[in-house]
Protein backbone atom coordinates (compact mmCIF):
# COMPACT_ATOMS: atom_id res chain seq x y z
CA MET A 1 -71.61 -27.34 -98.16
CA PHE A 2 -68.33 -25.12 -96.91
CA SER A 3 -70.37 -23.17 -95.00
CA LYS A 4 -69.13 -24.69 -91.60
CA PHE A 5 -65.57 -24.03 -92.65
CA ARG A 6 -66.28 -20.34 -93.74
CA ASN A 7 -65.08 -18.75 -90.63
CA LYS A 8 -62.30 -20.77 -90.12
CA PRO A 9 -59.16 -20.07 -91.60
CA THR A 10 -57.86 -22.78 -94.21
CA GLY A 11 -53.69 -23.86 -94.94
CA THR A 12 -53.49 -20.83 -97.27
CA GLU A 13 -54.69 -17.98 -95.03
CA ARG A 14 -52.71 -16.52 -92.39
CA ASN A 15 -53.48 -16.87 -88.61
CA PRO A 16 -54.06 -13.27 -87.38
CA ASP A 17 -52.37 -14.01 -84.07
CA VAL A 18 -49.05 -15.12 -85.98
CA THR A 19 -49.03 -12.40 -88.21
CA GLU A 20 -49.22 -9.83 -85.67
CA LEU A 21 -46.62 -11.58 -84.03
CA VAL A 22 -44.28 -11.28 -86.81
CA GLU A 23 -44.64 -7.84 -87.68
CA THR A 24 -44.32 -6.51 -84.22
CA PRO A 25 -42.02 -3.73 -84.09
CA GLU A 26 -39.94 -5.12 -81.46
CA LEU A 27 -39.25 -8.17 -83.34
CA ARG A 28 -38.22 -6.05 -86.52
CA GLN A 29 -36.02 -4.11 -84.38
CA ILE A 30 -34.34 -7.29 -82.85
CA ALA A 31 -34.21 -8.98 -86.22
CA ALA A 32 -32.24 -5.62 -87.61
CA LEU A 33 -30.11 -5.83 -84.62
CA GLU A 34 -28.94 -9.67 -84.75
CA ALA A 35 -28.18 -8.87 -88.51
CA ARG A 36 -26.17 -5.55 -87.39
CA ILE A 37 -24.54 -8.04 -84.31
CA LYS A 38 -23.57 -10.64 -87.50
CA GLN A 39 -22.03 -7.75 -89.23
CA LEU A 40 -20.10 -6.87 -86.67
CA GLU A 41 -18.90 -9.89 -85.72
CA LYS A 42 -17.23 -10.19 -89.54
CA GLN A 43 -15.50 -6.75 -89.01
CA MET A 44 -14.02 -7.73 -85.62
CA ALA A 45 -12.91 -10.84 -86.98
CA LEU A 46 -11.52 -9.13 -90.25
CA LEU A 47 -10.16 -6.18 -87.67
CA SER A 48 -8.67 -8.97 -85.34
CA ASN A 49 -6.53 -10.64 -88.48
CA LYS A 50 -5.01 -7.48 -89.33
CA PHE A 51 -4.06 -6.47 -85.89
CA SER A 52 -2.25 -9.64 -85.72
CA LYS A 53 -0.46 -8.93 -89.26
CA LEU A 54 0.56 -5.38 -87.97
CA ALA A 55 1.95 -6.79 -84.31
CA GLU A 56 4.00 -9.43 -86.44
CA ALA A 57 5.17 -6.81 -88.65
CA PHE A 58 6.27 -4.50 -86.22
CA ASP A 59 7.97 -7.23 -84.25
CA GLU A 60 10.15 -7.89 -87.08
CA LEU A 61 10.66 -3.96 -87.61
CA THR A 62 11.78 -3.64 -84.05
CA ILE A 63 14.04 -6.16 -84.31
CA LYS A 64 15.44 -4.86 -87.48
CA LYS A 65 15.69 -1.26 -85.68
CA ASP A 66 17.36 -3.10 -82.53
CA ASP A 67 20.02 -4.81 -84.91
CA ALA A 68 20.39 -1.44 -86.73
CA VAL A 69 20.78 0.68 -83.54
CA GLU A 70 22.96 -1.75 -81.29
CA GLN A 71 26.18 -0.44 -80.67
CA VAL A 72 29.35 -1.54 -82.56
CA PRO A 73 31.55 -2.79 -80.01
CA ILE A 74 33.65 -0.10 -78.62
CA GLU A 75 35.55 1.13 -81.30
CA VAL A 76 38.53 2.28 -79.43
CA GLU A 77 41.41 1.98 -81.31
CA GLN A 78 45.16 1.42 -79.72
CA HIS A 79 47.72 2.56 -82.17
CA ALA A 80 51.24 2.03 -80.76
CA VAL A 81 52.88 5.40 -81.21
CA ALA A 82 56.09 5.76 -79.77
CA ASP A 83 56.73 8.77 -78.11
CA LYS A 84 60.20 10.19 -78.97
CA THR A 85 61.05 11.84 -75.81
CA SER A 86 59.72 9.34 -73.38
CA GLY A 87 59.69 5.88 -75.12
CA GLN A 88 56.14 5.44 -74.19
CA LYS A 89 53.23 4.30 -76.10
CA GLU A 90 50.21 6.67 -76.84
CA SER A 91 46.82 5.15 -77.91
CA THR A 92 44.51 6.99 -79.91
CA VAL A 93 40.58 7.54 -78.85
CA ILE A 94 37.82 7.63 -81.21
CA LEU A 95 34.88 9.26 -79.95
CA TYR A 96 31.25 9.80 -81.60
CA LEU A 97 30.18 13.20 -80.94
CA SER A 98 26.20 14.13 -81.41
CA ALA A 99 25.14 17.33 -83.16
CA PRO A 100 26.76 20.41 -81.49
CA ASP A 101 25.02 23.29 -79.62
CA ALA A 102 24.80 26.95 -81.47
CA ASP A 103 27.81 27.73 -79.90
CA GLY A 104 30.15 24.87 -81.16
CA VAL A 105 29.95 22.63 -78.31
CA PHE A 106 29.52 19.09 -78.70
CA PRO A 107 27.43 17.88 -75.65
CA GLU A 108 27.51 14.13 -76.19
CA HIS A 109 29.79 11.50 -77.11
CA GLU A 110 30.11 7.88 -76.94
CA THR A 111 32.65 5.33 -77.55
CA ALA A 112 30.65 3.79 -80.39
CA GLU A 113 28.63 5.21 -83.38
CA THR A 114 24.89 5.11 -82.77
CA ILE A 115 22.92 5.45 -85.72
CA GLY A 116 20.17 8.70 -85.72
CA LYS A 117 22.64 10.32 -83.33
CA SER A 118 26.24 10.26 -84.12
CA MET A 119 27.35 13.09 -86.60
CA TYR A 120 31.11 13.77 -85.95
CA ARG A 121 34.02 11.21 -85.42
CA LEU A 122 36.84 12.92 -83.29
CA GLU A 123 40.13 11.17 -82.96
CA THR A 124 42.18 12.29 -79.75
CA LYS A 125 45.47 11.12 -78.47
CA ASP A 126 45.87 13.07 -75.19
CA GLY A 127 42.25 13.35 -74.36
CA MET A 128 42.15 16.93 -74.01
CA SER A 129 42.28 17.87 -77.37
CA GLY A 130 41.51 15.90 -80.99
CA ARG A 131 40.67 16.28 -84.38
CA PHE A 132 37.50 15.72 -85.81
CA GLU A 133 35.22 15.26 -89.06
CA MET A 134 31.89 14.75 -90.06
CA ILE A 135 30.64 10.94 -90.42
CA GLY A 136 30.28 10.56 -94.30
CA SER A 137 27.03 7.68 -93.75
CA ALA A 138 23.70 8.10 -95.24
CA ASP A 139 22.26 8.29 -92.24
CA ALA A 140 24.48 11.02 -91.01
CA VAL A 141 23.85 12.93 -94.24
CA ALA A 142 20.11 12.32 -93.83
CA THR A 143 20.21 13.86 -90.22
CA ALA A 144 22.46 17.09 -91.11
CA LEU A 145 20.00 17.79 -93.74
CA ILE A 146 17.36 18.12 -91.16
CA SER A 147 19.10 21.67 -90.22
CA VAL A 148 22.26 22.56 -91.67
CA SER A 149 22.39 25.54 -89.68
CA GLN A 150 21.90 23.74 -86.63
CA PHE A 151 23.68 20.71 -87.16
CA VAL A 152 26.25 21.26 -89.41
CA LYS A 153 27.41 25.35 -89.72
CA PRO A 154 28.39 25.64 -85.78
CA ALA A 155 31.55 23.03 -86.35
CA CYS A 156 31.84 23.24 -90.11
CA ARG A 157 32.38 25.36 -92.65
CA ILE A 158 30.54 24.41 -95.74
CA LEU A 159 32.82 24.65 -99.15
CA GLY A 160 30.62 25.62 -102.31
CA ALA A 161 26.94 25.71 -102.43
CA LEU A 162 24.49 23.16 -100.99
CA PRO A 163 22.98 20.66 -104.13
CA PRO A 164 19.39 20.26 -103.99
CA MET A 165 19.81 16.42 -102.95
CA PRO A 166 23.76 15.76 -101.54
CA ARG A 167 24.34 12.27 -101.27
CA GLN A 168 27.56 12.39 -99.04
CA ILE A 169 29.45 14.89 -96.86
CA VAL A 170 33.38 14.98 -97.41
CA THR A 171 35.53 16.46 -94.87
CA LEU A 172 38.13 18.33 -96.53
CA GLU A 173 39.91 19.37 -93.85
CA GLN A 174 39.37 18.26 -90.03
CA GLY A 175 38.40 20.24 -87.75
CA VAL A 176 39.92 20.75 -83.85
CA ALA A 177 38.15 20.50 -80.61
CA LYS A 178 38.91 20.76 -76.97
CA LYS A 179 37.66 19.24 -74.13
CA GLU A 180 35.96 21.05 -71.64
CA GLY A 181 34.85 19.06 -68.66
CA GLU A 182 32.57 16.52 -70.37
CA THR A 183 31.96 18.52 -73.37
CA TRP A 184 33.89 19.13 -76.52
CA ARG A 185 34.20 22.73 -77.81
CA VAL A 186 35.00 23.38 -81.56
CA THR A 187 38.38 25.37 -81.90
CA THR A 188 38.68 25.22 -85.30
CA LYS A 189 35.98 24.48 -87.62
CA ALA A 190 36.57 21.71 -90.12
CA ILE A 191 35.71 22.14 -94.18
CA VAL A 192 33.48 20.29 -95.54
CA LYS A 193 31.62 19.87 -99.04
CA PHE A 194 27.90 18.30 -99.62
CA GLU A 195 28.07 16.26 -102.81
């Protein structure tokens, strides 16, 4: 009775043509590549999200840095000092100096303190000579500690031993500098102490 169906596949048997189609190496490779593409798309979405968060954080830091580095309005302090001989008023100009070179020359100066660059504060009344001191801010201390021999010793004499983790620099005696062209040269070193 079932002899006529003997060579025909039933519903439970597989069609050999379909089996060969599903199990070809090319189709297995395509399936693997599709799975890999889905995995990479998920990774890209995660990385894109992380990148967006990092870009936002960077923008916030840039704004904060710009606010911190923004130069203070010109701090040219005008002091009315009557000159005893001529009766004319003198003004005191405040300059902020960068680190000196090995010869004790301050190559750069500005009229406003710049965080990360200004290390010394110089007052001059005549524009030719002035008295200077180290800036006592935490930023100036950190910059000075990068290389005490390079940033401090050309302009200052250090009193006492350098503590392991100094938090401030105290100027015990101001130094003197003379203007030479556009630079200022140390003529008398300041005396400082690290605390």
